[in-house]
Amino acid sequence: MAGILEVRWHGRGGQGTVTAAKVLAEAVMAEGKNVQAFPEYGPERMGAPLRAYNRISEIPMTIHCQVTNPAVVAVVDPTLLDTVDVTEGATDDAVFVVNTSGDPGELKKKMKLKSSQKVFCVDANGISLATIGRIMPNTPMLGAVVKATKVIKLDTLLADIRSSFGKKFAEKIIQSNLDAASRAYEEVKS
């Protein structure tokens, strides 16, 4: 990894988007990399659009501002594609990971992306419903982001999910989230 990898998450309040950014940060730290994770809220209410960010680097970072040119954009809520410019400031070689069962090629055209930009699609809502029992797309999105970016190993992510969630949840909930992340990792398509 050369330089700093910047990630921007787009979601809505209550979908676990901020938690996803924090879990990714903890997993990245477990592999010895430097990382930042922070949210940006508008109106703080359930369902309101929000952004969260990660910065990942092999070397210490001195920058502490909003991510404006992400190389990775994770869209947790696909309805935001019609209301928010998720492509704003994205690098020419940006990777977009979108929660949708749609076709990556068609979505790339709809988003008017450059040929050098790549789209990965994963049905995070469907996966979370099947594994967790309700629509909670953050954990499947983590699995998809890890697969699309290869920023860390899946095993590192799963260990961190177990560790992070183990402080708050029963084993059944932890296992369902591990299953969701693993399944999304396998099912994400480009």
C-alpha atoms as a PDB file:
ATOM      1  CA  MET A   1       0.000   0.000   0.000  1.00  0.00           C
ATOM      2  CA  ALA A   2       1.586   3.269  -1.087  1.00  0.00           C
ATOM      3  CA  GLY A   3       0.522   6.494   0.576  1.00  0.00           C
ATOM      4  CA  ILE A   4      -2.837   6.860   2.272  1.00  0.00           C
ATOM      5  CA  LEU A   5      -5.958   4.943   1.250  1.00  0.00           C
ATOM      6  CA  GLU A   6      -9.061   7.048   1.874  1.00  0.00           C
ATOM      7  CA  VAL A   7     -12.501   5.465   2.235  1.00  0.00           C
ATOM      8  CA  ARG A   8     -15.853   7.271   2.287  1.00  0.00           C
ATOM      9  CA  TRP A   9     -18.978   5.475   3.526  1.00  0.00           C
ATOM     10  CA  HIS A  10     -22.490   6.644   2.561  1.00  0.00           C
ATOM     11  CA  GLY A  11     -25.437   5.425   4.590  1.00  0.00           C
ATOM     12  CA  ARG A  12     -28.396   6.434   6.683  1.00  0.00           C
ATOM     13  CA  GLY A  13     -28.695   6.723  10.443  1.00  0.00           C
ATOM     14  CA  GLY A  14     -29.481   3.347  11.981  1.00  0.00           C
ATOM     15  CA  GLN A  15     -27.823   1.178   9.313  1.00  0.00           C
ATOM     16  CA  GLY A  16     -24.557   0.775  11.199  1.00  0.00           C
ATOM     17  CA  THR A  17     -22.466   2.791   8.744  1.00  0.00           C
ATOM     18  CA  VAL A  18     -20.422   4.531  11.460  1.00  0.00           C
ATOM     19  CA  THR A  19     -19.959   1.202  13.240  1.00  0.00           C
ATOM     20  CA  ALA A  20     -18.705  -0.339   9.979  1.00  0.00           C
ATOM     21  CA  ALA A  21     -16.053   2.367   9.635  1.00  0.00           C
ATOM     22  CA  LYS A  22     -14.968   1.799  13.249  1.00  0.00           C
ATOM     23  CA  VAL A  23     -14.834  -1.993  12.884  1.00  0.00           C
ATOM     24  CA  LEU A  24     -12.779  -1.663   9.696  1.00  0.00           C
ATOM     25  CA  ALA A  25     -10.397   0.661  11.549  1.00  0.00           C
ATOM     26  CA  GLU A  26      -9.944  -1.787  14.410  1.00  0.00           C
ATOM     27  CA  ALA A  27      -9.293  -4.655  11.999  1.00  0.00           C
ATOM     28  CA  VAL A  28      -6.773  -2.577  10.042  1.00  0.00           C
ATOM     29  CA  MET A  29      -4.973  -1.732  13.310  1.00  0.00           C
ATOM     30  CA  ALA A  30      -4.826  -5.443  14.125  1.00  0.00           C
ATOM     31  CA  GLU A  31      -2.698  -5.885  10.985  1.00  0.00           C
ATOM     32  CA  GLY A  32      -0.312  -3.168  12.184  1.00  0.00           C
ATOM     33  CA  LYS A  33      -1.403  -0.369   9.875  1.00  0.00           C
ATOM     34  CA  ASN A  34      -2.201   3.202  10.853  1.00  0.00           C
ATOM     35  CA  VAL A  35      -5.844   4.154  10.584  1.00  0.00           C
ATOM     36  CA  GLN A  36      -8.436   6.822  11.254  1.00  0.00           C
ATOM     37  CA  ALA A  37     -12.216   6.434  11.464  1.00  0.00           C
ATOM     38  CA  PHE A  38     -14.671   9.264  11.969  1.00  0.00           C
ATOM     39  CA  PRO A  39     -18.282  10.164  11.134  1.00  0.00           C
ATOM     40  CA  GLU A  40     -19.896  13.209   9.592  1.00  0.00           C
ATOM     41  CA  TYR A  41     -23.513  13.705  10.553  1.00  0.00           C
ATOM     42  CA  GLY A  42     -26.202  15.962   9.194  1.00  0.00           C
ATOM     43  CA  PRO A  43     -29.409  15.907  11.207  1.00  0.00           C
ATOM     44  CA  GLU A  44     -28.787  13.219  13.817  1.00  0.00           C
ATOM     45  CA  ARG A  45     -31.868  11.086  13.377  1.00  0.00           C
ATOM     46  CA  MET A  46     -32.774   7.612  12.211  1.00  0.00           C
ATOM     47  CA  GLY A  47     -32.826   7.478   8.417  1.00  0.00           C
ATOM     48  CA  ALA A  48     -30.933  10.714   7.809  1.00  0.00           C
ATOM     49  CA  PRO A  49     -28.079  10.524   5.267  1.00  0.00           C
ATOM     50  CA  LEU A  50     -24.617  10.445   6.788  1.00  0.00           C
ATOM     51  CA  ARG A  51     -21.020   9.872   5.852  1.00  0.00           C
ATOM     52  CA  ALA A  52     -18.243   8.089   7.674  1.00  0.00           C
ATOM     53  CA  TYR A  53     -14.589   7.934   6.745  1.00  0.00           C
ATOM     54  CA  ASN A  54     -11.455   5.842   7.055  1.00  0.00           C
ATOM     55  CA  ARG A  55      -7.862   6.634   6.296  1.00  0.00           C
ATOM     56  CA  ILE A  56      -5.428   3.733   6.125  1.00  0.00           C
ATOM     57  CA  SER A  57      -1.655   3.969   5.841  1.00  0.00           C
ATOM     58  CA  GLU A  58       1.541   2.026   6.438  1.00  0.00           C
ATOM     59  CA  ILE A  59       3.101   5.165   7.935  1.00  0.00           C
ATOM     60  CA  PRO A  60       1.800   7.551  10.632  1.00  0.00           C
ATOM     61  CA  MET A  61      -0.655  10.173   9.363  1.00  0.00           C
ATOM     62  CA  THR A  62      -0.685  13.829  10.271  1.00  0.00           C
ATOM     63  CA  ILE A  63      -3.768  14.778   8.251  1.00  0.00           C
ATOM     64  CA  HIS A  64      -6.992  15.137  10.270  1.00  0.00           C
ATOM     65  CA  CYS A  65      -9.661  16.529   7.954  1.00  0.00           C
ATOM     66  CA  GLN A  66     -12.627  15.270   5.999  1.00  0.00           C
ATOM     67  CA  VAL A  67     -11.958  12.791   3.181  1.00  0.00           C
ATOM     68  CA  THR A  68     -12.567  14.661  -0.069  1.00  0.00           C
ATOM     69  CA  ASN A  69     -10.885  12.391  -2.647  1.00  0.00           C
ATOM     70  CA  PRO A  70     -11.697   8.810  -1.687  1.00  0.00           C
ATOM     71  CA  ALA A  71     -10.180   5.870  -3.506  1.00  0.00           C
ATOM     72  CA  VAL A  72     -12.920   3.662  -2.051  1.00  0.00           C
ATOM     73  CA  VAL A  73     -16.602   4.589  -1.752  1.00  0.00           C
ATOM     74  CA  ALA A  74     -18.940   2.245   0.124  1.00  0.00           C
ATOM     75  CA  VAL A  75     -22.655   2.887  -0.464  1.00  0.00           C
ATOM     76  CA  VAL A  76     -24.539   1.165   2.353  1.00  0.00           C
ATOM     77  CA  ASP A  77     -27.941   2.539   1.298  1.00  0.00           C
ATOM     78  CA  PRO A  78     -28.519   2.295  -2.467  1.00  0.00           C
ATOM     79  CA  THR A  79     -31.374   4.863  -2.357  1.00  0.00           C
ATOM     80  CA  LEU A  80     -28.658   7.464  -1.818  1.00  0.00           C
ATOM     81  CA  LEU A  81     -27.503   6.905  -5.418  1.00  0.00           C
ATOM     82  CA  ASP A  82     -30.543   8.938  -6.521  1.00  0.00           C
ATOM     83  CA  THR A  83     -30.157  11.747  -3.959  1.00  0.00           C
ATOM     84  CA  VAL A  84     -26.453  12.132  -3.125  1.00  0.00           C
ATOM     85  CA  ASP A  85     -23.489  12.466  -5.491  1.00  0.00           C
ATOM     86  CA  VAL A  86     -21.520   9.525  -4.124  1.00  0.00           C
ATOM     87  CA  THR A  87     -18.954  10.007  -6.908  1.00  0.00           C
ATOM     88  CA  GLU A  88     -18.027  13.514  -5.746  1.00  0.00           C
ATOM     89  CA  GLY A  89     -14.249  13.874  -5.503  1.00  0.00           C
ATOM     90  CA  ALA A  90     -13.579  10.163  -6.093  1.00  0.00           C
ATOM     91  CA  THR A  91     -10.186   9.382  -7.560  1.00  0.00           C
ATOM     92  CA  ASP A  92      -9.910   8.388 -11.230  1.00  0.00           C
ATOM     93  CA  ASP A  93      -9.247   4.787 -10.171  1.00  0.00           C
ATOM     94  CA  ALA A  94     -11.805   4.692  -7.344  1.00  0.00           C
ATOM     95  CA  VAL A  95     -13.528   1.493  -6.286  1.00  0.00           C
ATOM     96  CA  PHE A  96     -17.247   1.718  -5.504  1.00  0.00           C
ATOM     97  CA  VAL A  97     -18.835  -0.981  -3.333  1.00  0.00           C
ATOM     98  CA  VAL A  98     -22.623  -0.712  -3.510  1.00  0.00           C
ATOM     99  CA  ASN A  99     -25.346  -2.511  -1.582  1.00  0.00           C
ATOM    100  CA  THR A 100     -27.468  -3.753  -4.483  1.00  0.00           C
ATOM    101  CA  SER A 101     -28.400  -6.970  -6.210  1.00  0.00           C
ATOM    102  CA  GLY A 102     -27.994  -5.107  -9.511  1.00  0.00           C
ATOM    103  CA  ASP A 103     -25.424  -5.614 -12.234  1.00  0.00           C
ATOM    104  CA  PRO A 104     -22.069  -3.841 -11.741  1.00  0.00           C
ATOM    105  CA  GLY A 105     -21.821  -2.873 -15.439  1.00  0.00           C
ATOM    106  CA  GLU A 106     -25.276  -1.331 -15.526  1.00  0.00           C
ATOM    107  CA  LEU A 107     -24.654   0.491 -12.252  1.00  0.00           C
ATOM    108  CA  LYS A 108     -21.358   1.845 -13.585  1.00  0.00           C
ATOM    109  CA  LYS A 109     -23.228   3.344 -16.552  1.00  0.00           C
ATOM    110  CA  LYS A 110     -25.985   4.745 -14.342  1.00  0.00           C
ATOM    111  CA  MET A 111     -23.390   6.375 -12.064  1.00  0.00           C
ATOM    112  CA  LYS A 112     -21.528   7.735 -15.139  1.00  0.00           C
ATOM    113  CA  LEU A 113     -18.197   6.449 -13.901  1.00  0.00           C
ATOM    114  CA  LYS A 114     -14.921   6.591 -15.774  1.00  0.00           C
ATOM    115  CA  SER A 115     -13.631   3.432 -17.422  1.00  0.00           C
ATOM    116  CA  SER A 116     -10.790   3.373 -14.873  1.00  0.00           C
ATOM    117  CA  GLN A 117     -13.243   3.293 -11.941  1.00  0.00           C
ATOM    118  CA  LYS A 118     -14.643  -0.039 -10.770  1.00  0.00           C
ATOM    119  CA  VAL A 119     -17.983  -1.069  -9.254  1.00  0.00           C
ATOM    120  CA  PHE A 120     -18.563  -3.996  -6.913  1.00  0.00           C
ATOM    121  CA  CYS A 121     -22.132  -4.997  -6.039  1.00  0.00           C
ATOM    122  CA  VAL A 122     -23.330  -7.069  -3.101  1.00  0.00           C
ATOM    123  CA  ASP A 123     -26.868  -7.678  -1.873  1.00  0.00           C
ATOM    124  CA  ALA A 124     -26.037  -6.640   1.700  1.00  0.00           C
ATOM    125  CA  ASN A 125     -29.715  -6.202   2.583  1.00  0.00           C
ATOM    126  CA  GLY A 126     -30.585  -9.710   1.393  1.00  0.00           C
ATOM    127  CA  ILE A 127     -27.537 -11.259   3.045  1.00  0.00           C
ATOM    128  CA  SER A 128     -28.249  -9.566   6.376  1.00  0.00           C
ATOM    129  CA  LEU A 129     -31.897 -10.606   6.255  1.00  0.00           C
ATOM    130  CA  ALA A 130     -30.879 -14.232   5.597  1.00  0.00           C
ATOM    131  CA  THR A 131     -28.078 -14.391   8.179  1.00  0.00           C
ATOM    132  CA  ILE A 132     -28.947 -11.839  10.871  1.00  0.00           C
ATOM    133  CA  GLY A 133     -32.718 -11.968  10.524  1.00  0.00           C
ATOM    134  CA  ARG A 134     -33.212  -8.291   9.763  1.00  0.00           C
ATOM    135  CA  ILE A 135     -31.909  -5.716   7.341  1.00  0.00           C
ATOM    136  CA  MET A 136     -28.619  -4.528   8.838  1.00  0.00           C
ATOM    137  CA  PRO A 137     -26.264  -4.045   5.869  1.00  0.00           C
ATOM    138  CA  ASN A 138     -23.151  -2.839   7.695  1.00  0.00           C
ATOM    139  CA  THR A 139     -21.555  -6.223   8.403  1.00  0.00           C
ATOM    140  CA  PRO A 140     -22.057  -7.606   4.884  1.00  0.00           C
ATOM    141  CA  MET A 141     -20.691  -4.348   3.483  1.00  0.00           C
ATOM    142  CA  LEU A 142     -17.543  -4.839   5.549  1.00  0.00           C
ATOM    143  CA  GLY A 143     -16.996  -8.244   3.960  1.00  0.00           C
ATOM    144  CA  ALA A 144     -17.556  -6.787   0.491  1.00  0.00           C
ATOM    145  CA  VAL A 145     -15.206  -3.831   1.088  1.00  0.00           C
ATOM    146  CA  VAL A 146     -12.461  -6.158   2.329  1.00  0.00           C
ATOM    147  CA  LYS A 147     -12.833  -8.353  -0.772  1.00  0.00           C
ATOM    148  CA  ALA A 148     -12.943  -5.386  -3.185  1.00  0.00           C
ATOM    149  CA  THR A 149      -9.951  -3.585  -1.683  1.00  0.00           C
ATOM    150  CA  LYS A 150      -7.833  -6.392  -0.210  1.00  0.00           C
ATOM    151  CA  VAL A 151      -6.826  -3.846   2.438  1.00  0.00           C
ATOM    152  CA  ILE A 152      -6.825  -6.598   5.096  1.00  0.00           C
ATOM    153  CA  LYS A 153      -7.400 -10.339   5.254  1.00  0.00           C
ATOM    154  CA  LEU A 154     -10.923 -11.681   5.787  1.00  0.00           C
ATOM    155  CA  ASP A 155      -9.697 -13.619   8.840  1.00  0.00           C
ATOM    156  CA  THR A 156      -8.534 -10.371  10.432  1.00  0.00           C
ATOM    157  CA  LEU A 157     -11.948  -8.781   9.854  1.00  0.00           C
ATOM    158  CA  LEU A 158     -13.774 -11.788  11.278  1.00  0.00           C
ATOM    159  CA  ALA A 159     -11.555 -11.848  14.369  1.00  0.00           C
ATOM    160  CA  ASP A 160     -12.242  -8.169  14.942  1.00  0.00           C
ATOM    161  CA  ILE A 161     -16.003  -8.595  14.503  1.00  0.00           C
ATOM    162  CA  ARG A 162     -15.900 -11.381  17.097  1.00  0.00           C
ATOM    163  CA  SER A 163     -13.863  -9.218  19.448  1.00  0.00           C
ATOM    164  CA  SER A 164     -15.896  -6.023  18.961  1.00  0.00           C
ATOM    165  CA  PHE A 165     -19.314  -7.653  19.045  1.00  0.00           C
ATOM    166  CA  GLY A 166     -18.336 -10.094  21.828  1.00  0.00           C
ATOM    167  CA  LYS A 167     -18.382  -7.241  24.321  1.00  0.00           C
ATOM    168  CA  LYS A 168     -22.030  -6.450  23.597  1.00  0.00           C
ATOM    169  CA  PHE A 169     -23.851  -9.383  22.008  1.00  0.00           C
ATOM    170  CA  ALA A 170     -24.725 -13.036  22.520  1.00  0.00           C
ATOM    171  CA  GLU A 171     -22.894 -15.754  20.557  1.00  0.00           C
ATOM    172  CA  LYS A 172     -25.860 -16.246  18.195  1.00  0.00           C
ATOM    173  CA  ILE A 173     -25.714 -12.583  17.118  1.00  0.00           C
ATOM    174  CA  ILE A 174     -21.937 -12.661  16.785  1.00  0.00           C
ATOM    175  CA  GLN A 175     -22.075 -15.790  14.622  1.00  0.00           C
ATOM    176  CA  SER A 176     -24.790 -14.357  12.375  1.00  0.00           C
ATOM    177  CA  ASN A 177     -22.649 -11.265  11.761  1.00  0.00           C
ATOM    178  CA  LEU A 178     -19.606 -13.415  11.015  1.00  0.00           C
ATOM    179  CA  ASP A 179     -21.724 -15.387   8.546  1.00  0.00           C
ATOM    180  CA  ALA A 180     -22.970 -12.146   6.945  1.00  0.00           C
ATOM    181  CA  ALA A 181     -19.458 -10.759   6.435  1.00  0.00           C
ATOM    182  CA  SER A 182     -18.137 -14.074   5.090  1.00  0.00           C
ATOM    183  CA  ARG A 183     -21.063 -14.546   2.724  1.00  0.00           C
ATOM    184  CA  ALA A 184     -20.737 -10.991   1.337  1.00  0.00           C
ATOM    185  CA  TYR A 185     -17.003 -11.543   0.860  1.00  0.00           C
ATOM    186  CA  GLU A 186     -17.821 -14.578  -1.288  1.00  0.00           C
ATOM    187  CA  GLU A 187     -20.818 -13.101  -3.134  1.00  0.00           C
ATOM    188  CA  VAL A 188     -19.588  -9.602  -4.034  1.00  0.00           C
ATOM    189  CA  LYS A 189     -19.366  -9.225  -7.802  1.00  0.00           C
ATOM    190  CA  SER A 190     -17.617  -6.807 -10.148  1.00  0.00           C
END
